[in-house]
């Protein structure tokens, strides 16, 4: 059983790595193209932070997400599927790592999707946002289930 669990972790890590590669490659080619783009040196919505504060926040967030992921995987260990919470956490990790790779490669995050005039974003940002929505939805569903279970006793 433990070997199966390690193999599952490896498979999921490889899939995440491939998604990070794809997101970084897309941003790399967009940065080299004439496609409309914005170099975002800050965090979400272009908010500027000192580099040391940004790195500390990023590392703390990654540690927190990985801890949540490990806990989520423990809950699903008897089942052979990836739950909403786990998928959402992977999406947050992939998007965050892809954006950090962008910062290392380009010195900023390459944003190229503009829906509203005051903000641009990229696919990695979308992955982070959708992952956060999945995590919150999962937490809400779990709380509803636990309350219903408690009331039925």
N, C-alpha and C. Protein backbone atom coordinates (compact mmCIF):
# COMPACT_ATOMS: atom_id res chain seq x y z
N UNK A 1 0.82 -1.20 0.00
CA UNK A 1 0.00 0.00 0.00
C UNK A 1 0.86 1.26 0.00
N UNK A 2 1.93 1.26 0.80
CA UNK A 2 2.80 2.43 0.88
C UNK A 2 3.50 2.68 -0.46
N UNK A 3 3.90 1.60 -1.14
CA UNK A 3 4.56 1.73 -2.45
C UNK A 3 3.59 2.34 -3.46
N UNK A 4 2.32 1.91 -3.40
CA UNK A 4 1.31 2.47 -4.28
C UNK A 4 1.15 3.96 -4.04
N UNK A 5 1.18 4.36 -2.78
CA UNK A 5 1.04 5.76 -2.41
C UNK A 5 2.22 6.59 -2.94
N UNK A 6 3.43 6.05 -2.83
CA UNK A 6 4.61 6.76 -3.35
C UNK A 6 4.53 6.90 -4.86
N UNK A 7 4.08 5.83 -5.53
CA UNK A 7 3.93 5.90 -6.99
C UNK A 7 2.90 6.94 -7.39
N UNK A 8 1.81 7.04 -6.63
CA UNK A 8 0.78 8.04 -6.91
C UNK A 8 1.35 9.45 -6.75
N UNK A 9 2.13 9.68 -5.68
CA UNK A 9 2.78 10.98 -5.47
C UNK A 9 3.69 11.30 -6.65
N UNK A 10 4.45 10.30 -7.09
CA UNK A 10 5.38 10.53 -8.22
C UNK A 10 4.62 10.90 -9.49
N UNK A 11 3.55 10.17 -9.78
CA UNK A 11 2.75 10.47 -10.97
C UNK A 11 2.20 11.89 -10.91
N UNK A 12 1.66 12.26 -9.76
CA UNK A 12 1.09 13.59 -9.61
C UNK A 12 2.17 14.66 -9.71
N UNK A 13 3.35 14.39 -9.17
CA UNK A 13 4.46 15.35 -9.26
C UNK A 13 4.90 15.54 -10.71
N UNK A 14 4.95 14.45 -11.47
CA UNK A 14 5.35 14.54 -12.88
C UNK A 14 4.31 15.34 -13.67
N UNK A 15 3.04 15.07 -13.42
CA UNK A 15 1.98 15.81 -14.11
C UNK A 15 2.05 17.30 -13.76
N UNK A 16 2.26 17.61 -12.50
CA UNK A 16 2.41 19.02 -12.09
C UNK A 16 3.61 19.66 -12.76
N UNK A 17 4.72 18.94 -12.80
CA UNK A 17 5.91 19.44 -13.46
C UNK A 17 5.67 19.74 -14.93
N UNK A 18 4.92 18.87 -15.59
CA UNK A 18 4.59 19.10 -17.00
C UNK A 18 3.73 20.35 -17.17
N UNK A 19 2.76 20.53 -16.28
CA UNK A 19 1.93 21.73 -16.35
C UNK A 19 2.74 23.00 -16.08
N UNK A 20 3.65 22.95 -15.13
CA UNK A 20 4.52 24.10 -14.87
C UNK A 20 5.33 24.41 -16.13
N UNK A 21 5.90 23.38 -16.75
CA UNK A 21 6.68 23.55 -17.97
C UNK A 21 5.84 24.21 -19.07
N UNK A 22 4.62 23.73 -19.25
CA UNK A 22 3.75 24.29 -20.29
C UNK A 22 3.45 25.77 -20.01
N UNK A 23 3.12 26.10 -18.76
CA UNK A 23 2.82 27.49 -18.42
C UNK A 23 4.04 28.39 -18.62
N UNK A 24 5.21 27.92 -18.21
CA UNK A 24 6.43 28.70 -18.37
C UNK A 24 6.76 28.86 -19.86
N UNK A 25 6.58 27.79 -20.63
CA UNK A 25 6.86 27.84 -22.08
C UNK A 25 5.93 28.84 -22.77
N UNK A 26 4.65 28.81 -22.41
CA UNK A 26 3.71 29.77 -23.00
C UNK A 26 4.15 31.20 -22.70
N UNK A 27 4.48 31.47 -21.45
CA UNK A 27 4.93 32.83 -21.10
C UNK A 27 6.23 33.19 -21.79
N UNK A 28 7.13 32.22 -21.93
CA UNK A 28 8.41 32.47 -22.60
C UNK A 28 8.17 32.89 -24.05
N UNK A 29 7.31 32.16 -24.75
CA UNK A 29 7.06 32.48 -26.15
C UNK A 29 6.28 33.79 -26.30
N UNK A 30 5.38 34.06 -25.39
CA UNK A 30 4.65 35.33 -25.44
C UNK A 30 5.60 36.49 -25.16
N UNK A 31 6.54 36.31 -24.23
CA UNK A 31 7.52 37.36 -23.93
C UNK A 31 8.39 37.66 -25.15
N UNK A 32 8.63 36.66 -25.97
CA UNK A 32 9.47 36.83 -27.16
C UNK A 32 8.69 37.27 -28.39
N UNK A 33 7.36 37.30 -28.28
CA UNK A 33 6.53 37.61 -29.45
C UNK A 33 6.11 39.08 -29.43
N UNK A 34 5.32 39.43 -30.42
CA UNK A 34 4.78 40.79 -30.50
C UNK A 34 3.39 40.84 -29.87
N UNK A 35 2.97 39.73 -29.27
CA UNK A 35 1.68 39.63 -28.60
C UNK A 35 1.63 40.65 -27.46
N UNK A 36 0.50 41.29 -27.28
CA UNK A 36 0.35 42.30 -26.23
C UNK A 36 0.60 41.68 -24.85
N UNK A 37 1.48 42.30 -24.09
CA UNK A 37 1.86 41.73 -22.80
C UNK A 37 2.22 42.85 -21.81
N UNK A 38 2.26 42.46 -20.55
CA UNK A 38 2.61 43.39 -19.48
C UNK A 38 3.58 42.69 -18.54
N UNK A 39 4.65 43.36 -18.17
CA UNK A 39 5.64 42.80 -17.25
C UNK A 39 5.26 43.26 -15.84
N UNK A 40 4.73 42.33 -15.03
CA UNK A 40 4.25 42.64 -13.69
C UNK A 40 5.35 42.33 -12.68
N UNK A 41 5.92 43.37 -12.08
CA UNK A 41 6.98 43.18 -11.07
C UNK A 41 6.40 42.95 -9.67
N UNK A 42 5.13 43.27 -9.51
CA UNK A 42 4.49 43.14 -8.20
C UNK A 42 3.76 41.80 -8.05
N UNK A 43 2.77 41.82 -7.14
CA UNK A 43 1.95 40.63 -6.94
C UNK A 43 0.61 40.88 -7.63
N UNK A 44 -0.45 40.23 -7.20
CA UNK A 44 -1.76 40.41 -7.82
C UNK A 44 -2.13 41.88 -7.91
N UNK A 45 -2.74 42.22 -9.04
CA UNK A 45 -3.18 43.59 -9.32
C UNK A 45 -2.04 44.59 -9.34
N UNK A 46 -0.82 44.11 -9.56
CA UNK A 46 0.34 44.98 -9.67
C UNK A 46 0.79 45.62 -8.37
N UNK A 47 0.36 45.07 -7.23
CA UNK A 47 0.76 45.61 -5.93
C UNK A 47 2.25 45.34 -5.72
N UNK A 48 3.01 46.40 -5.48
CA UNK A 48 4.46 46.25 -5.29
C UNK A 48 4.78 45.93 -3.84
N UNK A 49 5.71 44.99 -3.68
CA UNK A 49 6.23 44.61 -2.36
C UNK A 49 7.75 44.58 -2.46
N UNK A 50 8.44 44.88 -1.37
CA UNK A 50 9.89 44.66 -1.39
C UNK A 50 10.18 43.18 -1.67
N UNK A 51 11.24 42.92 -2.41
CA UNK A 51 11.58 41.56 -2.84
C UNK A 51 11.68 40.60 -1.65
N UNK A 52 12.30 41.02 -0.56
CA UNK A 52 12.46 40.13 0.60
C UNK A 52 11.10 39.76 1.21
N UNK A 53 10.18 40.72 1.27
CA UNK A 53 8.84 40.45 1.79
C UNK A 53 8.11 39.49 0.85
N UNK A 54 8.23 39.73 -0.45
CA UNK A 54 7.58 38.86 -1.42
C UNK A 54 8.08 37.42 -1.29
N UNK A 55 9.38 37.24 -1.21
CA UNK A 55 9.95 35.88 -1.12
C UNK A 55 9.50 35.19 0.16
N UNK A 56 9.49 35.91 1.28
CA UNK A 56 9.03 35.32 2.55
C UNK A 56 7.56 34.91 2.45
N UNK A 57 6.73 35.78 1.89
CA UNK A 57 5.31 35.45 1.73
C UNK A 57 5.12 34.26 0.79
N UNK A 58 5.86 34.23 -0.30
CA UNK A 58 5.75 33.14 -1.26
C UNK A 58 6.15 31.82 -0.62
N UNK A 59 7.29 31.81 0.08
CA UNK A 59 7.73 30.57 0.74
C UNK A 59 6.74 30.11 1.81
N UNK A 60 6.24 31.04 2.61
CA UNK A 60 5.27 30.69 3.65
C UNK A 60 3.99 30.11 3.02
N UNK A 61 3.55 30.71 1.94
CA UNK A 61 2.36 30.22 1.25
C UNK A 61 2.60 28.83 0.68
N UNK A 62 3.76 28.62 0.08
CA UNK A 62 4.06 27.30 -0.50
C UNK A 62 4.13 26.23 0.59
N UNK A 63 4.74 26.56 1.72
CA UNK A 63 4.81 25.60 2.84
C UNK A 63 3.40 25.27 3.33
N UNK A 64 2.56 26.30 3.47
CA UNK A 64 1.19 26.10 3.91
C UNK A 64 0.41 25.23 2.94
N UNK A 65 0.53 25.51 1.64
CA UNK A 65 -0.19 24.74 0.62
C UNK A 65 0.30 23.29 0.61
N UNK A 66 1.60 23.07 0.72
CA UNK A 66 2.13 21.70 0.75
C UNK A 66 1.62 20.96 1.99
N UNK A 67 1.57 21.62 3.14
CA UNK A 67 1.03 20.98 4.35
C UNK A 67 -0.43 20.61 4.16
N UNK A 68 -1.23 21.51 3.57
CA UNK A 68 -2.62 21.21 3.29
C UNK A 68 -2.74 20.04 2.30
N UNK A 69 -1.83 20.01 1.33
CA UNK A 69 -1.84 18.94 0.33
C UNK A 69 -1.55 17.58 0.99
N UNK A 70 -0.58 17.53 1.86
CA UNK A 70 -0.24 16.28 2.56
C UNK A 70 -1.44 15.82 3.38
N UNK A 71 -2.08 16.75 4.10
CA UNK A 71 -3.26 16.39 4.89
C UNK A 71 -4.40 15.91 4.00
N UNK A 72 -4.59 16.58 2.89
CA UNK A 72 -5.64 16.21 1.95
C UNK A 72 -5.40 14.81 1.39
N UNK A 73 -4.14 14.53 1.09
CA UNK A 73 -3.79 13.20 0.55
C UNK A 73 -3.97 12.12 1.60
N UNK A 74 -3.74 12.43 2.88
CA UNK A 74 -3.95 11.45 3.95
C UNK A 74 -5.42 11.07 4.04
N UNK A 75 -6.28 12.08 3.91
CA UNK A 75 -7.73 11.82 3.96
C UNK A 75 -8.18 10.95 2.79
N UNK A 76 -7.53 11.10 1.65
CA UNK A 76 -7.92 10.35 0.46
C UNK A 76 -7.14 9.05 0.29
N UNK A 77 -6.28 8.71 1.25
CA UNK A 77 -5.38 7.56 1.07
C UNK A 77 -6.13 6.26 0.83
N UNK A 78 -7.32 6.11 1.39
CA UNK A 78 -8.06 4.88 1.17
C UNK A 78 -8.75 4.86 -0.19
N UNK A 79 -8.97 6.04 -0.76
CA UNK A 79 -9.60 6.13 -2.07
C UNK A 79 -8.52 6.31 -3.12
N UNK A 80 -8.77 5.87 -4.32
CA UNK A 80 -7.77 5.96 -5.37
C UNK A 80 -8.10 7.10 -6.34
N UNK A 81 -8.47 8.24 -5.80
CA UNK A 81 -8.81 9.38 -6.65
C UNK A 81 -8.27 10.66 -6.05
N UNK A 82 -8.25 11.68 -6.88
CA UNK A 82 -7.81 13.00 -6.43
C UNK A 82 -9.07 13.81 -6.15
N UNK A 83 -9.21 14.30 -4.93
CA UNK A 83 -10.38 15.07 -4.56
C UNK A 83 -10.28 16.51 -5.01
N UNK A 84 -11.39 17.24 -4.84
CA UNK A 84 -11.43 18.66 -5.20
C UNK A 84 -10.36 19.45 -4.48
N UNK A 85 -10.22 19.18 -3.17
CA UNK A 85 -9.23 19.91 -2.37
C UNK A 85 -7.83 19.67 -2.92
N UNK A 86 -7.50 18.41 -3.16
CA UNK A 86 -6.17 18.07 -3.67
C UNK A 86 -5.92 18.71 -5.03
N UNK A 87 -6.89 18.61 -5.92
CA UNK A 87 -6.75 19.21 -7.25
C UNK A 87 -6.55 20.72 -7.13
N UNK A 88 -7.33 21.37 -6.29
CA UNK A 88 -7.19 22.81 -6.10
C UNK A 88 -5.82 23.19 -5.57
N UNK A 89 -5.31 22.42 -4.61
CA UNK A 89 -3.98 22.70 -4.05
C UNK A 89 -2.89 22.50 -5.10
N UNK A 90 -3.03 21.46 -5.92
CA UNK A 90 -2.06 21.27 -7.01
C UNK A 90 -2.12 22.44 -7.99
N UNK A 91 -3.31 22.93 -8.29
CA UNK A 91 -3.43 24.06 -9.21
C UNK A 91 -2.76 25.31 -8.64
N UNK A 92 -2.91 25.53 -7.34
CA UNK A 92 -2.26 26.67 -6.70
C UNK A 92 -0.74 26.51 -6.77
N UNK A 93 -0.24 25.31 -6.47
CA UNK A 93 1.21 25.06 -6.53
C UNK A 93 1.76 25.27 -7.94
N UNK A 94 1.08 24.70 -8.92
CA UNK A 94 1.55 24.81 -10.31
C UNK A 94 1.59 26.27 -10.74
N UNK A 95 0.52 27.00 -10.50
CA UNK A 95 0.48 28.41 -10.89
C UNK A 95 1.54 29.24 -10.18
N UNK A 96 1.72 28.98 -8.90
CA UNK A 96 2.72 29.74 -8.12
C UNK A 96 4.14 29.46 -8.57
N UNK A 97 4.43 28.19 -8.83
CA UNK A 97 5.77 27.82 -9.29
C UNK A 97 6.03 28.39 -10.68
N UNK A 98 5.01 28.34 -11.55
CA UNK A 98 5.16 28.89 -12.90
C UNK A 98 5.42 30.40 -12.85
N UNK A 99 4.70 31.11 -11.98
CA UNK A 99 4.93 32.55 -11.85
C UNK A 99 6.31 32.84 -11.27
N UNK A 100 6.77 32.02 -10.32
CA UNK A 100 8.11 32.23 -9.77
C UNK A 100 9.17 31.96 -10.85
N UNK A 101 8.95 30.94 -11.66
CA UNK A 101 9.89 30.68 -12.77
C UNK A 101 9.92 31.87 -13.72
N UNK A 102 8.77 32.46 -13.99
CA UNK A 102 8.71 33.66 -14.82
C UNK A 102 9.56 34.78 -14.22
N UNK A 103 9.45 34.98 -12.91
CA UNK A 103 10.24 36.02 -12.25
C UNK A 103 11.74 35.76 -12.39
N UNK A 104 12.12 34.50 -12.29
CA UNK A 104 13.54 34.14 -12.40
C UNK A 104 14.01 34.34 -13.84
N UNK A 105 13.21 33.92 -14.81
CA UNK A 105 13.60 33.99 -16.22
C UNK A 105 13.55 35.43 -16.75
N UNK A 106 12.45 36.13 -16.48
CA UNK A 106 12.22 37.45 -17.08
C UNK A 106 12.40 38.62 -16.12
N UNK A 107 12.51 38.35 -14.84
CA UNK A 107 12.59 39.43 -13.85
C UNK A 107 11.22 39.97 -13.46
N UNK A 108 10.18 39.39 -14.02
CA UNK A 108 8.80 39.78 -13.73
C UNK A 108 7.89 38.67 -14.21
N UNK A 109 6.61 38.80 -13.90
CA UNK A 109 5.62 37.85 -14.40
C UNK A 109 5.03 38.42 -15.69
N UNK A 110 5.02 37.62 -16.74
CA UNK A 110 4.48 38.07 -18.02
C UNK A 110 2.96 37.86 -18.00
N UNK A 111 2.22 38.97 -18.00
CA UNK A 111 0.76 38.93 -18.05
C UNK A 111 0.31 39.30 -19.45
N UNK A 112 -0.69 38.60 -19.98
CA UNK A 112 -1.08 38.83 -21.37
C UNK A 112 -2.58 38.70 -21.62
N UNK A 113 -3.35 38.37 -20.61
CA UNK A 113 -4.80 38.27 -20.79
C UNK A 113 -5.41 39.53 -20.15
N UNK A 114 -6.16 40.27 -20.97
CA UNK A 114 -6.78 41.51 -20.47
C UNK A 114 -8.28 41.42 -20.73
N UNK A 115 -9.04 41.35 -19.66
CA UNK A 115 -10.49 41.33 -19.76
C UNK A 115 -11.05 42.69 -19.36
N UNK A 116 -10.44 43.28 -18.35
CA UNK A 116 -10.82 44.62 -17.90
C UNK A 116 -9.63 45.55 -18.12
N UNK A 117 -9.87 46.83 -18.35
CA UNK A 117 -8.77 47.74 -18.70
C UNK A 117 -7.73 47.94 -17.60
N UNK A 118 -8.07 47.70 -16.35
CA UNK A 118 -7.14 48.00 -15.26
C UNK A 118 -6.32 46.80 -14.80
N UNK A 119 -6.47 45.64 -15.44
CA UNK A 119 -5.75 44.48 -14.95
C UNK A 119 -5.44 43.50 -16.08
N UNK A 120 -4.26 42.93 -16.05
CA UNK A 120 -3.91 41.83 -16.94
C UNK A 120 -3.45 40.66 -16.07
N UNK A 121 -3.55 39.47 -16.62
CA UNK A 121 -3.13 38.28 -15.90
C UNK A 121 -2.68 37.23 -16.89
N UNK A 122 -2.27 36.06 -16.40
CA UNK A 122 -1.81 34.99 -17.28
C UNK A 122 -2.46 33.67 -16.88
N UNK A 123 -2.12 32.59 -17.57
CA UNK A 123 -2.72 31.29 -17.27
C UNK A 123 -2.34 30.78 -15.88
N UNK A 124 -1.14 31.09 -15.43
CA UNK A 124 -0.72 30.66 -14.09
C UNK A 124 -1.59 31.34 -13.03
N UNK A 125 -1.90 32.62 -13.22
CA UNK A 125 -2.78 33.33 -12.30
C UNK A 125 -4.17 32.68 -12.30
N UNK A 126 -4.62 32.28 -13.48
CA UNK A 126 -5.92 31.61 -13.60
C UNK A 126 -5.90 30.28 -12.86
N UNK A 127 -4.79 29.55 -12.95
CA UNK A 127 -4.65 28.29 -12.23
C UNK A 127 -4.73 28.52 -10.72
N UNK A 128 -4.05 29.55 -10.24
CA UNK A 128 -4.08 29.87 -8.81
C UNK A 128 -5.50 30.22 -8.38
N UNK A 129 -6.17 31.06 -9.14
CA UNK A 129 -7.53 31.49 -8.79
C UNK A 129 -8.49 30.30 -8.78
N UNK A 130 -8.48 29.50 -9.85
CA UNK A 130 -9.38 28.34 -9.94
C UNK A 130 -9.07 27.33 -8.83
N UNK A 131 -7.79 27.16 -8.53
CA UNK A 131 -7.40 26.26 -7.43
C UNK A 131 -7.94 26.76 -6.10
N UNK A 132 -7.85 28.06 -5.86
CA UNK A 132 -8.37 28.63 -4.61
C UNK A 132 -9.88 28.44 -4.51
N UNK A 133 -10.57 28.62 -5.63
CA UNK A 133 -12.03 28.41 -5.65
C UNK A 133 -12.34 26.95 -5.32
N UNK A 134 -11.60 26.01 -5.91
CA UNK A 134 -11.82 24.58 -5.62
C UNK A 134 -11.57 24.26 -4.14
N UNK A 135 -10.51 24.82 -3.59
CA UNK A 135 -10.19 24.58 -2.17
C UNK A 135 -11.32 25.12 -1.29
N UNK A 136 -11.75 26.33 -1.54
CA UNK A 136 -12.83 26.93 -0.74
C UNK A 136 -14.13 26.14 -0.89
N UNK A 137 -14.45 25.73 -2.11
CA UNK A 137 -15.65 24.94 -2.37
C UNK A 137 -15.58 23.62 -1.62
N UNK A 138 -14.42 22.98 -1.67
CA UNK A 138 -14.22 21.71 -0.99
C UNK A 138 -14.38 21.87 0.52
N UNK A 139 -13.82 22.93 1.06
CA UNK A 139 -13.94 23.18 2.50
C UNK A 139 -15.40 23.43 2.88
N UNK A 140 -16.11 24.17 2.04
CA UNK A 140 -17.52 24.44 2.29
C UNK A 140 -18.33 23.14 2.28
N UNK A 141 -18.10 22.30 1.27
CA UNK A 141 -18.81 21.02 1.16
C UNK A 141 -18.51 20.12 2.36
N UNK A 142 -17.23 20.08 2.76
CA UNK A 142 -16.83 19.25 3.89
C UNK A 142 -17.52 19.73 5.17
N UNK A 143 -17.57 21.04 5.38
CA UNK A 143 -18.23 21.59 6.57
C UNK A 143 -19.73 21.27 6.55
N UNK A 144 -20.37 21.41 5.38
CA UNK A 144 -21.79 21.08 5.27
C UNK A 144 -22.03 19.61 5.60
N UNK A 145 -21.16 18.73 5.10
CA UNK A 145 -21.28 17.29 5.35
C UNK A 145 -21.11 16.99 6.83
N UNK A 146 -20.13 17.61 7.47
CA UNK A 146 -19.88 17.37 8.89
C UNK A 146 -21.02 17.89 9.76
N UNK A 147 -21.60 19.02 9.39
CA UNK A 147 -22.74 19.57 10.14
C UNK A 147 -23.95 18.64 9.99
N UNK A 148 -24.21 18.18 8.77
CA UNK A 148 -25.33 17.27 8.53
C UNK A 148 -25.12 15.95 9.29
N UNK A 149 -23.91 15.46 9.30
CA UNK A 149 -23.59 14.22 10.01
C UNK A 149 -23.80 14.40 11.51
N UNK A 150 -23.38 15.54 12.02
CA UNK A 150 -23.52 15.83 13.46
C UNK A 150 -25.00 15.94 13.85
N UNK A 151 -25.79 16.59 12.98
CA UNK A 151 -27.22 16.77 13.26
C UNK A 151 -28.00 15.45 13.18
N UNK A 152 -27.53 14.51 12.37
CA UNK A 152 -28.24 13.23 12.24
C UNK A 152 -27.96 12.28 13.39
N UNK A 153 -26.98 12.59 14.22
CA UNK A 153 -26.64 11.70 15.34
C UNK A 153 -27.49 11.92 16.53
